[in-house]
Amino acid sequence: MWKSLHIIWESFVKKLLVDPNELQVWQKVDRHGNIYWQAYDPATGKSFSSGSETDVFMWIEQLYRY
């Protein structure tokens, strides 16, 4: 129970501190235990998801290259 409360509190604090216009990248775990990465750019409305951290970095570089 404490772990669930901690996760909820941590999520709440992050939402308060994050600039809504800043690029957001986070790691998630699906119901099968697979880890994957998600990225979202509020300025462009584009998002990306991959099992590879390297792929996410490449997507970010391409997004801001031009």
PDB file of N, CA and C in Angstrom:
ATOM      1  N   MET A   1       0.808  -1.192   0.000  1.00  0.00           N
ATOM      2  CA  MET A   1       0.000   0.000   0.000  1.00  0.00           C
ATOM      3  C   MET A   1       0.856   1.262   0.000  1.00  0.00           C
ATOM      4  N   TRP A   2       1.931   1.274   0.796  1.00  0.00           N
ATOM      5  CA  TRP A   2       2.790   2.450   0.863  1.00  0.00           C
ATOM      6  C   TRP A   2       3.466   2.711  -0.473  1.00  0.00           C
ATOM      7  N   LYS A   3       3.819   1.633  -1.167  1.00  0.00           N
ATOM      8  CA  LYS A   3       4.465   1.798  -2.465  1.00  0.00           C
ATOM      9  C   LYS A   3       3.506   2.468  -3.446  1.00  0.00           C
ATOM     10  N   SER A   4       2.246   2.068  -3.438  1.00  0.00           N
ATOM     11  CA  SER A   4       1.249   2.673  -4.327  1.00  0.00           C
ATOM     12  C   SER A   4       1.062   4.151  -4.010  1.00  0.00           C
ATOM     13  N   LEU A   5       0.993   4.486  -2.735  1.00  0.00           N
ATOM     14  CA  LEU A   5       0.864   5.886  -2.334  1.00  0.00           C
ATOM     15  C   LEU A   5       2.081   6.700  -2.760  1.00  0.00           C
ATOM     16  N   HIS A   6       3.247   6.096  -2.623  1.00  0.00           N
ATOM     17  CA  HIS A   6       4.484   6.767  -3.015  1.00  0.00           C
ATOM     18  C   HIS A   6       4.480   7.047  -4.519  1.00  0.00           C
ATOM     19  N   ILE A   7       4.059   6.092  -5.317  1.00  0.00           N
ATOM     20  CA  ILE A   7       4.006   6.262  -6.768  1.00  0.00           C
ATOM     21  C   ILE A   7       3.029   7.367  -7.144  1.00  0.00           C
ATOM     22  N   ILE A   8       1.875   7.391  -6.505  1.00  0.00           N
ATOM     23  CA  ILE A   8       0.879   8.430  -6.776  1.00  0.00           C
ATOM     24  C   ILE A   8       1.428   9.798  -6.387  1.00  0.00           C
ATOM     25  N   TRP A   9       2.047   9.896  -5.229  1.00  0.00           N
ATOM     26  CA  TRP A   9       2.620  11.162  -4.767  1.00  0.00           C
ATOM     27  C   TRP A   9       3.720  11.627  -5.712  1.00  0.00           C
ATOM     28  N   GLU A  10       4.593  10.730  -6.114  1.00  0.00           N
ATOM     29  CA  GLU A  10       5.692  11.063  -7.009  1.00  0.00           C
ATOM     30  C   GLU A  10       5.148  11.586  -8.347  1.00  0.00           C
ATOM     31  N   SER A  11       4.129  10.947  -8.869  1.00  0.00           N
ATOM     32  CA  SER A  11       3.505  11.378 -10.117  1.00  0.00           C
ATOM     33  C   SER A  11       2.907  12.774  -9.975  1.00  0.00           C
ATOM     34  N   PHE A  12       2.249  13.028  -8.861  1.00  0.00           N
ATOM     35  CA  PHE A  12       1.633  14.324  -8.587  1.00  0.00           C
ATOM     36  C   PHE A  12       2.687  15.430  -8.533  1.00  0.00           C
ATOM     37  N   VAL A  13       3.771  15.183  -7.837  1.00  0.00           N
ATOM     38  CA  VAL A  13       4.837  16.179  -7.699  1.00  0.00           C
ATOM     39  C   VAL A  13       5.476  16.456  -9.055  1.00  0.00           C
ATOM     40  N   LYS A  14       5.711  15.418  -9.843  1.00  0.00           N
ATOM     41  CA  LYS A  14       6.309  15.611 -11.166  1.00  0.00           C
ATOM     42  C   LYS A  14       5.428  16.485 -12.043  1.00  0.00           C
ATOM     43  N   LYS A  15       4.124  16.274 -11.987  1.00  0.00           N
ATOM     44  CA  LYS A  15       3.204  17.074 -12.806  1.00  0.00           C
ATOM     45  C   LYS A  15       3.228  18.533 -12.381  1.00  0.00           C
ATOM     46  N   LEU A  16       3.425  18.800 -11.115  1.00  0.00           N
ATOM     47  CA  LEU A  16       3.491  20.178 -10.637  1.00  0.00           C
ATOM     48  C   LEU A  16       4.768  20.883 -11.077  1.00  0.00           C
ATOM     49  N   LEU A  17       5.862  20.139 -11.153  1.00  0.00           N
ATOM     50  CA  LEU A  17       7.157  20.738 -11.419  1.00  0.00           C
ATOM     51  C   LEU A  17       7.537  20.783 -12.896  1.00  0.00           C
ATOM     52  N   VAL A  18       6.872  20.009 -13.728  1.00  0.00           N
ATOM     53  CA  VAL A  18       7.242  19.932 -15.141  1.00  0.00           C
ATOM     54  C   VAL A  18       6.662  21.115 -15.908  1.00  0.00           C
ATOM     55  N   ASP A  19       7.508  21.747 -16.693  1.00  0.00           N
ATOM     56  CA  ASP A  19       7.061  22.806 -17.597  1.00  0.00           C
ATOM     57  C   ASP A  19       6.221  22.150 -18.693  1.00  0.00           C
ATOM     58  N   PRO A  20       4.974  22.562 -18.872  1.00  0.00           N
ATOM     59  CA  PRO A  20       4.095  21.902 -19.840  1.00  0.00           C
ATOM     60  C   PRO A  20       4.563  22.024 -21.286  1.00  0.00           C
ATOM     61  N   ASN A  21       5.494  22.927 -21.569  1.00  0.00           N
ATOM     62  CA  ASN A  21       6.009  23.095 -22.928  1.00  0.00           C
ATOM     63  C   ASN A  21       7.330  22.377 -23.159  1.00  0.00           C
ATOM     64  N   GLU A  22       7.852  21.726 -22.152  1.00  0.00           N
ATOM     65  CA  GLU A  22       9.148  21.067 -22.225  1.00  0.00           C
ATOM     66  C   GLU A  22       9.002  19.637 -22.736  1.00  0.00           C
ATOM     67  N   LEU A  23       9.978  19.198 -23.511  1.00  0.00           N
ATOM     68  CA  LEU A  23      10.021  17.828 -23.993  1.00  0.00           C
ATOM     69  C   LEU A  23       9.960  16.872 -22.803  1.00  0.00           C
ATOM     70  N   GLN A  24       9.157  15.840 -22.906  1.00  0.00           N
ATOM     71  CA  GLN A  24       8.991  14.896 -21.806  1.00  0.00           C
ATOM     72  C   GLN A  24       9.404  13.501 -22.271  1.00  0.00           C
ATOM     73  N   VAL A  25      10.214  12.829 -21.477  1.00  0.00           N
ATOM     74  CA  VAL A  25      10.650  11.464 -21.762  1.00  0.00           C
ATOM     75  C   VAL A  25      10.490  10.659 -20.489  1.00  0.00           C
ATOM     76  N   TRP A  26       9.892   9.480 -20.610  1.00  0.00           N
ATOM     77  CA  TRP A  26       9.709   8.648 -19.440  1.00  0.00           C
ATOM     78  C   TRP A  26       9.775   7.186 -19.819  1.00  0.00           C
ATOM     79  N   GLN A  27      10.039   6.363 -18.831  1.00  0.00           N
ATOM     80  CA  GLN A  27      10.148   4.919 -19.007  1.00  0.00           C
ATOM     81  C   GLN A  27       8.901   4.273 -18.427  1.00  0.00           C
ATOM     82  N   LYS A  28       8.397   3.271 -19.119  1.00  0.00           N
ATOM     83  CA  LYS A  28       7.209   2.567 -18.654  1.00  0.00           C
ATOM     84  C   LYS A  28       7.463   1.067 -18.691  1.00  0.00           C
ATOM     85  N   VAL A  29       6.640   0.351 -17.969  1.00  0.00           N
ATOM     86  CA  VAL A  29       6.692  -1.109 -17.956  1.00  0.00           C
ATOM     87  C   VAL A  29       5.291  -1.607 -18.288  1.00  0.00           C
ATOM     88  N   ASP A  30       5.194  -2.471 -19.305  1.00  0.00           N
ATOM     89  CA  ASP A  30       3.868  -2.983 -19.662  1.00  0.00           C
ATOM     90  C   ASP A  30       3.476  -4.133 -18.743  1.00  0.00           C
ATOM     91  N   ARG A  31       2.295  -4.674 -18.945  1.00  0.00           N
ATOM     92  CA  ARG A  31       1.777  -5.704 -18.038  1.00  0.00           C
ATOM     93  C   ARG A  31       2.565  -7.008 -18.105  1.00  0.00           C
ATOM     94  N   HIS A  32       3.411  -7.151 -19.130  1.00  0.00           N
ATOM     95  CA  HIS A  32       4.249  -8.346 -19.264  1.00  0.00           C
ATOM     96  C   HIS A  32       5.647  -8.132 -18.689  1.00  0.00           C
ATOM     97  N   GLY A  33       5.889  -6.949 -18.171  1.00  0.00           N
ATOM     98  CA  GLY A  33       7.186  -6.638 -17.575  1.00  0.00           C
ATOM     99  C   GLY A  33       8.207  -6.084 -18.557  1.00  0.00           C
ATOM    100  N   ASN A  34       7.778  -5.832 -19.796  1.00  0.00           N
ATOM    101  CA  ASN A  34       8.684  -5.259 -20.791  1.00  0.00           C
ATOM    102  C   ASN A  34       8.842  -3.763 -20.544  1.00  0.00           C
ATOM    103  N   ILE A  35      10.080  -3.312 -20.600  1.00  0.00           N
ATOM    104  CA  ILE A  35      10.386  -1.901 -20.384  1.00  0.00           C
ATOM    105  C   ILE A  35      10.455  -1.204 -21.731  1.00  0.00           C
ATOM    106  N   TYR A  36       9.831  -0.029 -21.808  1.00  0.00           N
ATOM    107  CA  TYR A  36       9.923   0.759 -23.025  1.00  0.00           C
ATOM    108  C   TYR A  36       9.945   2.241 -22.672  1.00  0.00           C
ATOM    109  N   TRP A  37      10.314   3.043 -23.646  1.00  0.00           N
ATOM    110  CA  TRP A  37      10.462   4.480 -23.471  1.00  0.00           C
ATOM    111  C   TRP A  37       9.406   5.211 -24.262  1.00  0.00           C
ATOM    112  N   GLN A  38       8.935   6.328 -23.721  1.00  0.00           N
ATOM    113  CA  GLN A  38       8.004   7.194 -24.421  1.00  0.00           C
ATOM    114  C   GLN A  38       8.535   8.617 -24.365  1.00  0.00           C
ATOM    115  N   ALA A  39       8.302   9.348 -25.441  1.00  0.00           N
ATOM    116  CA  ALA A  39       8.701  10.754 -25.503  1.00  0.00           C
ATOM    117  C   ALA A  39       7.554  11.545 -26.104  1.00  0.00           C
ATOM    118  N   TYR A  40       7.399  12.773 -25.627  1.00  0.00           N
ATOM    119  CA  TYR A  40       6.339  13.648 -26.132  1.00  0.00           C
ATOM    120  C   TYR A  40       6.856  15.077 -26.184  1.00  0.00           C
ATOM    121  N   ASP A  41       6.627  15.725 -27.321  1.00  0.00           N
ATOM    122  CA  ASP A  41       7.014  17.112 -27.490  1.00  0.00           C
ATOM    123  C   ASP A  41       5.752  17.965 -27.597  1.00  0.00           C
ATOM    124  N   PRO A  42       5.378  18.672 -26.542  1.00  0.00           N
ATOM    125  CA  PRO A  42       4.156  19.476 -26.564  1.00  0.00           C
ATOM    126  C   PRO A  42       4.199  20.607 -27.594  1.00  0.00           C
ATOM    127  N   ALA A  43       5.384  21.078 -27.937  1.00  0.00           N
ATOM    128  CA  ALA A  43       5.503  22.170 -28.898  1.00  0.00           C
ATOM    129  C   ALA A  43       5.040  21.739 -30.290  1.00  0.00           C
ATOM    130  N   THR A  44       5.298  20.476 -30.652  1.00  0.00           N
ATOM    131  CA  THR A  44       4.922  19.985 -31.976  1.00  0.00           C
ATOM    132  C   THR A  44       3.724  19.032 -31.926  1.00  0.00           C
ATOM    133  N   GLY A  45       3.431  18.510 -30.726  1.00  0.00           N
ATOM    134  CA  GLY A  45       2.361  17.525 -30.584  1.00  0.00           C
ATOM    135  C   GLY A  45       2.784  16.129 -31.004  1.00  0.00           C
ATOM    136  N   LYS A  46       4.071  15.951 -31.303  1.00  0.00           N
ATOM    137  CA  LYS A  46       4.574  14.649 -31.751  1.00  0.00           C
ATOM    138  C   LYS A  46       4.984  13.798 -30.551  1.00  0.00           C
ATOM    139  N   SER A  47       4.830  12.482 -30.729  1.00  0.00           N
ATOM    140  CA  SER A  47       5.240  11.552 -29.679  1.00  0.00           C
ATOM    141  C   SER A  47       5.928  10.360 -30.315  1.00  0.00           C
ATOM    142  N   PHE A  48       6.661   9.616 -29.493  1.00  0.00           N
ATOM    143  CA  PHE A  48       7.419   8.468 -29.968  1.00  0.00           C
ATOM    144  C   PHE A  48       7.515   7.457 -28.841  1.00  0.00           C
ATOM    145  N   SER A  49       7.488   6.187 -29.198  1.00  0.00           N
ATOM    146  CA  SER A  49       7.601   5.109 -28.224  1.00  0.00           C
ATOM    147  C   SER A  49       8.507   4.033 -28.789  1.00  0.00           C
ATOM    148  N   SER A  50       9.394   3.492 -27.953  1.00  0.00           N
ATOM    149  CA  SER A  50      10.316   2.449 -28.399  1.00  0.00           C
ATOM    150  C   SER A  50      10.838   1.664 -27.210  1.00  0.00           C
ATOM    151  N   GLY A  51      11.238   0.452 -27.471  1.00  0.00           N
ATOM    152  CA  GLY A  51      11.880  -0.364 -26.459  1.00  0.00           C
ATOM    153  C   GLY A  51      13.347  -0.013 -26.302  1.00  0.00           C
ATOM    154  N   SER A  52      13.831   0.866 -27.158  1.00  0.00           N
ATOM    155  CA  SER A  52      15.244   1.235 -27.159  1.00  0.00           C
ATOM    156  C   SER A  52      15.433   2.694 -26.754  1.00  0.00           C
ATOM    157  N   GLU A  53      16.232   2.900 -25.744  1.00  0.00           N
ATOM    158  CA  GLU A  53      16.564   4.256 -25.309  1.00  0.00           C
ATOM    159  C   GLU A  53      17.300   5.000 -26.424  1.00  0.00           C
ATOM    160  N   THR A  54      18.143   4.298 -27.157  1.00  0.00           N
ATOM    161  CA  THR A  54      18.885   4.888 -28.264  1.00  0.00           C
ATOM    162  C   THR A  54      17.946   5.407 -29.344  1.00  0.00           C
ATOM    163  N   ASP A  55      16.895   4.645 -29.659  1.00  0.00           N
ATOM    164  CA  ASP A  55      15.914   5.090 -30.653  1.00  0.00           C
ATOM    165  C   ASP A  55      15.238   6.385 -30.227  1.00  0.00           C
ATOM    166  N   VAL A  56      14.943   6.502 -28.951  1.00  0.00           N
ATOM    167  CA  VAL A  56      14.305   7.722 -28.450  1.00  0.00           C
ATOM    168  C   VAL A  56      15.251   8.909 -28.595  1.00  0.00           C
ATOM    169  N   PHE A  57      16.536   8.714 -28.262  1.00  0.00           N
ATOM    170  CA  PHE A  57      17.509   9.797 -28.419  1.00  0.00           C
ATOM    171  C   PHE A  57      17.637  10.206 -29.882  1.00  0.00           C
ATOM    172  N   MET A  58      17.630   9.232 -30.784  1.00  0.00           N
ATOM    173  CA  MET A  58      17.716   9.535 -32.213  1.00  0.00           C
ATOM    174  C   MET A  58      16.483  10.324 -32.674  1.00  0.00           C
ATOM    175  N   TRP A  59      15.300   9.952 -32.171  1.00  0.00           N
ATOM    176  CA  TRP A  59      14.071  10.663 -32.524  1.00  0.00           C
ATOM    177  C   TRP A  59      14.148  12.122 -32.066  1.00  0.00           C
ATOM    178  N   ILE A  60      14.650  12.322 -30.856  1.00  0.00           N
ATOM    179  CA  ILE A  60      14.776  13.680 -30.317  1.00  0.00           C
ATOM    180  C   ILE A  60      15.751  14.492 -31.169  1.00  0.00           C
ATOM    181  N   GLU A  61      16.875  13.901 -31.523  1.00  0.00           N
ATOM    182  CA  GLU A  61      17.853  14.607 -32.356  1.00  0.00           C
ATOM    183  C   GLU A  61      17.249  15.003 -33.696  1.00  0.00           C
ATOM    184  N   GLN A  62      16.500  14.107 -34.319  1.00  0.00           N
ATOM    185  CA  GLN A  62      15.876  14.401 -35.599  1.00  0.00           C
ATOM    186  C   GLN A  62      14.802  15.484 -35.441  1.00  0.00           C
ATOM    187  N   LEU A  63      14.085  15.436 -34.347  1.00  0.00           N
ATOM    188  CA  LEU A  63      13.030  16.411 -34.096  1.00  0.00           C
ATOM    189  C   LEU A  63      13.570  17.826 -34.030  1.00  0.00           C
ATOM    190  N   TYR A  64      14.739  18.002 -33.428  1.00  0.00           N
ATOM    191  CA  TYR A  64      15.285  19.330 -33.221  1.00  0.00           C
ATOM    192  C   TYR A  64      16.395  19.694 -34.202  1.00  0.00           C
ATOM    193  N   ARG A  65      16.696  18.812 -35.109  1.00  0.00           N
ATOM    194  CA  ARG A  65      17.767  19.073 -36.081  1.00  0.00           C
ATOM    195  C   ARG A  65      17.375  20.172 -37.063  1.00  0.00           C
ATOM    196  N   TYR A  66      16.114  20.266 -37.399  1.00  0.00           N
ATOM    197  CA  TYR A  66      15.689  21.191 -38.452  1.00  0.00           C
ATOM    198  C   TYR A  66      14.976  22.369 -37.910  1.00  0.00           C
TER     199      TYR A  66
END
